Amino acid sequence: MRLLSTITLIAGLALVGTANLSAQAPMRQVPDSLVGKAKVSEDSARAIALKRVPGTVEGVKLYSKNGKLDWVFGIKPNGKSTTERVTISAATGHVVSVSSGSSSSTKHSTTPHS
């Protein structure tokens, strides 16, 4: 009986731990070939993005378009159900744009961020 209870407890903790792990891991598309080219690290860009839109990061992407390298973070703002897309320049750390997942409007930043 005691062995059965112990096994049940361990199995339950393993399931809870796995569920929490998968719920906390954001989608990540960060090619190693581009990471070395980024002057701004992922952690620094994440901090800048979360300062602009406080919330939970649900995804991160590093991509190059027209010779420009950008970090893009999908952030679910605190207390909201929509996702904001925050683009950070991987060269300067400036906020390039913030756009709402529920509309097509984009707000461009003119304020430099470090």
C-alpha atoms as a PDB file:
ATOM      1  CA  MET A   1       0.000   0.000   0.000  1.00  0.00           C
ATOM      2  CA  ARG A   2       2.758   2.397   0.942  1.00  0.00           C
ATOM      3  CA  LEU A   3       4.679   1.539  -2.244  1.00  0.00           C
ATOM      4  CA  LEU A   4       1.583   2.192  -4.354  1.00  0.00           C
ATOM      5  CA  SER A   5       1.068   5.583  -2.708  1.00  0.00           C
ATOM      6  CA  THR A   6       4.694   6.529  -3.302  1.00  0.00           C
ATOM      7  CA  ILE A   7       4.534   5.520  -6.975  1.00  0.00           C
ATOM      8  CA  THR A   8       1.296   7.453  -7.445  1.00  0.00           C
ATOM      9  CA  LEU A   9       2.830  10.536  -5.834  1.00  0.00           C
ATOM     10  CA  ILE A  10       5.944  10.364  -8.015  1.00  0.00           C
ATOM     11  CA  ALA A  11       3.883   9.906 -11.187  1.00  0.00           C
ATOM     12  CA  GLY A  12       1.678  12.856 -10.274  1.00  0.00           C
ATOM     13  CA  LEU A  13       4.660  15.121  -9.600  1.00  0.00           C
ATOM     14  CA  ALA A  14       6.265  14.083 -12.889  1.00  0.00           C
ATOM     15  CA  LEU A  15       3.113  14.997 -14.819  1.00  0.00           C
ATOM     16  CA  VAL A  16       2.766  18.351 -13.077  1.00  0.00           C
ATOM     17  CA  GLY A  17       6.445  19.145 -13.662  1.00  0.00           C
ATOM     18  CA  THR A  18       6.171  18.295 -17.361  1.00  0.00           C
ATOM     19  CA  ALA A  19       3.018  20.402 -17.772  1.00  0.00           C
ATOM     20  CA  ASN A  20       4.682  23.405 -16.127  1.00  0.00           C
ATOM     21  CA  LEU A  21       7.801  23.006 -18.239  1.00  0.00           C
ATOM     22  CA  SER A  22       5.913  22.974 -21.526  1.00  0.00           C
ATOM     23  CA  ALA A  23       3.687  25.878 -20.476  1.00  0.00           C
ATOM     24  CA  GLN A  24       6.700  28.043 -19.612  1.00  0.00           C
ATOM     25  CA  ALA A  25       8.850  27.369 -22.689  1.00  0.00           C
ATOM     26  CA  PRO A  26       8.186  30.004 -25.353  1.00  0.00           C
ATOM     27  CA  MET A  27       8.333  29.157 -29.048  1.00  0.00           C
ATOM     28  CA  ARG A  28      11.866  29.942 -30.193  1.00  0.00           C
ATOM     29  CA  GLN A  29      13.124  30.462 -33.756  1.00  0.00           C
ATOM     30  CA  VAL A  30      16.701  31.633 -33.330  1.00  0.00           C
ATOM     31  CA  PRO A  31      19.104  30.306 -35.981  1.00  0.00           C
ATOM     32  CA  ASP A  32      22.674  29.863 -34.696  1.00  0.00           C
ATOM     33  CA  SER A  33      23.921  31.331 -37.974  1.00  0.00           C
ATOM     34  CA  LEU A  34      22.323  34.692 -37.097  1.00  0.00           C
ATOM     35  CA  VAL A  35      23.067  34.824 -33.353  1.00  0.00           C
ATOM     36  CA  GLY A  36      26.737  35.605 -33.980  1.00  0.00           C
ATOM     37  CA  LYS A  37      25.766  38.558 -36.176  1.00  0.00           C
ATOM     38  CA  ALA A  38      23.509  40.158 -33.539  1.00  0.00           C
ATOM     39  CA  LYS A  39      25.164  42.993 -31.595  1.00  0.00           C
ATOM     40  CA  VAL A  40      22.312  42.940 -29.074  1.00  0.00           C
ATOM     41  CA  SER A  41      21.896  39.649 -27.187  1.00  0.00           C
ATOM     42  CA  GLU A  42      18.593  37.835 -26.879  1.00  0.00           C
ATOM     43  CA  ASP A  43      18.478  38.538 -23.141  1.00  0.00           C
ATOM     44  CA  SER A  44      19.072  42.277 -23.650  1.00  0.00           C
ATOM     45  CA  ALA A  45      16.474  42.462 -26.418  1.00  0.00           C
ATOM     46  CA  ARG A  46      13.998  40.549 -24.228  1.00  0.00           C
ATOM     47  CA  ALA A  47      14.507  43.035 -21.371  1.00  0.00           C
ATOM     48  CA  ILE A  48      13.931  45.974 -23.738  1.00  0.00           C
ATOM     49  CA  ALA A  49      10.790  44.358 -25.177  1.00  0.00           C
ATOM     50  CA  LEU A  50       9.381  43.557 -21.726  1.00  0.00           C
ATOM     51  CA  LYS A  51      10.069  47.114 -20.576  1.00  0.00           C
ATOM     52  CA  ARG A  52       7.958  48.366 -23.505  1.00  0.00           C
ATOM     53  CA  VAL A  53       5.207  45.733 -23.107  1.00  0.00           C
ATOM     54  CA  PRO A  54       5.202  44.126 -19.634  1.00  0.00           C
ATOM     55  CA  GLY A  55       3.898  40.576 -19.741  1.00  0.00           C
ATOM     56  CA  THR A  56       4.837  37.012 -20.647  1.00  0.00           C
ATOM     57  CA  VAL A  57       7.034  36.176 -23.639  1.00  0.00           C
ATOM     58  CA  GLU A  58       5.259  33.550 -25.732  1.00  0.00           C
ATOM     59  CA  GLY A  59       7.729  33.442 -28.592  1.00  0.00           C
ATOM     60  CA  VAL A  60      10.993  34.839 -29.903  1.00  0.00           C
ATOM     61  CA  LYS A  61      12.401  34.999 -33.399  1.00  0.00           C
ATOM     62  CA  LEU A  62      15.643  36.343 -34.839  1.00  0.00           C
ATOM     63  CA  TYR A  63      15.531  37.103 -38.536  1.00  0.00           C
ATOM     64  CA  SER A  64      17.279  39.055 -41.252  1.00  0.00           C
ATOM     65  CA  LYS A  65      15.298  41.031 -43.811  1.00  0.00           C
ATOM     66  CA  ASN A  66      16.771  43.433 -46.359  1.00  0.00           C
ATOM     67  CA  GLY A  67      20.115  43.285 -44.546  1.00  0.00           C
ATOM     68  CA  LYS A  68      18.606  44.257 -41.180  1.00  0.00           C
ATOM     69  CA  LEU A  69      18.683  41.856 -38.247  1.00  0.00           C
ATOM     70  CA  ASP A  70      15.765  42.031 -35.800  1.00  0.00           C
ATOM     71  CA  TRP A  71      14.562  40.259 -32.686  1.00  0.00           C
ATOM     72  CA  VAL A  72      10.785  39.781 -32.593  1.00  0.00           C
ATOM     73  CA  PHE A  73       9.023  38.904 -29.343  1.00  0.00           C
ATOM     74  CA  GLY A  74       5.432  37.784 -29.004  1.00  0.00           C
ATOM     75  CA  ILE A  75       4.349  39.091 -25.610  1.00  0.00           C
ATOM     76  CA  LYS A  76       1.042  38.502 -23.859  1.00  0.00           C
ATOM     77  CA  PRO A  77       0.549  41.720 -21.843  1.00  0.00           C
ATOM     78  CA  ASN A  78      -0.367  41.376 -18.183  1.00  0.00           C
ATOM     79  CA  GLY A  79      -4.136  41.172 -17.800  1.00  0.00           C
ATOM     80  CA  LYS A  80      -4.873  40.850 -21.538  1.00  0.00           C
ATOM     81  CA  SER A  81      -5.717  37.936 -23.790  1.00  0.00           C
ATOM     82  CA  THR A  82      -4.161  39.323 -26.999  1.00  0.00           C
ATOM     83  CA  THR A  83      -0.508  39.131 -28.006  1.00  0.00           C
ATOM     84  CA  GLU A  84       1.681  42.117 -28.853  1.00  0.00           C
ATOM     85  CA  ARG A  85       4.516  41.779 -31.362  1.00  0.00           C
ATOM     86  CA  VAL A  86       7.571  43.802 -30.291  1.00  0.00           C
ATOM     87  CA  THR A  87      10.419  44.157 -32.794  1.00  0.00           C
ATOM     88  CA  ILE A  88      13.868  45.128 -31.491  1.00  0.00           C
ATOM     89  CA  SER A  89      16.834  45.996 -33.724  1.00  0.00           C
ATOM     90  CA  ALA A  90      19.574  43.395 -33.163  1.00  0.00           C
ATOM     91  CA  ALA A  91      22.107  46.050 -34.212  1.00  0.00           C
ATOM     92  CA  THR A  92      21.086  48.966 -31.960  1.00  0.00           C
ATOM     93  CA  GLY A  93      18.632  47.664 -29.355  1.00  0.00           C
ATOM     94  CA  HIS A  94      16.041  50.247 -30.421  1.00  0.00           C
ATOM     95  CA  VAL A  95      12.358  49.357 -30.483  1.00  0.00           C
ATOM     96  CA  VAL A  96      11.527  49.151 -34.188  1.00  0.00           C
ATOM     97  CA  SER A  97       7.795  48.554 -33.792  1.00  0.00           C
ATOM     98  CA  VAL A  98       5.037  47.351 -31.511  1.00  0.00           C
ATOM     99  CA  SER A  99       1.955  45.845 -33.078  1.00  0.00           C
ATOM    100  CA  SER A 100      -1.150  44.286 -31.645  1.00  0.00           C
ATOM    101  CA  GLY A 101      -2.049  40.738 -32.568  1.00  0.00           C
ATOM    102  CA  SER A 102      -5.714  41.718 -32.796  1.00  0.00           C
ATOM    103  CA  SER A 103      -5.314  44.584 -35.290  1.00  0.00           C
ATOM    104  CA  SER A 104      -3.093  45.525 -38.175  1.00  0.00           C
ATOM    105  CA  SER A 105      -2.006  48.873 -36.763  1.00  0.00           C
ATOM    106  CA  THR A 106       1.677  49.290 -36.021  1.00  0.00           C
ATOM    107  CA  LYS A 107       3.166  51.866 -33.700  1.00  0.00           C
ATOM    108  CA  HIS A 108       6.737  52.855 -34.613  1.00  0.00           C
ATOM    109  CA  SER A 109       9.105  54.040 -31.952  1.00  0.00           C
ATOM    110  CA  THR A 110      11.229  57.143 -32.316  1.00  0.00           C
ATOM    111  CA  THR A 111      12.607  56.909 -28.797  1.00  0.00           C
ATOM    112  CA  PRO A 112      16.082  55.363 -28.601  1.00  0.00           C
ATOM    113  CA  HIS A 113      16.464  52.546 -26.091  1.00  0.00           C
ATOM    114  CA  SER A 114      19.674  51.042 -24.858  1.00  0.00           C
END
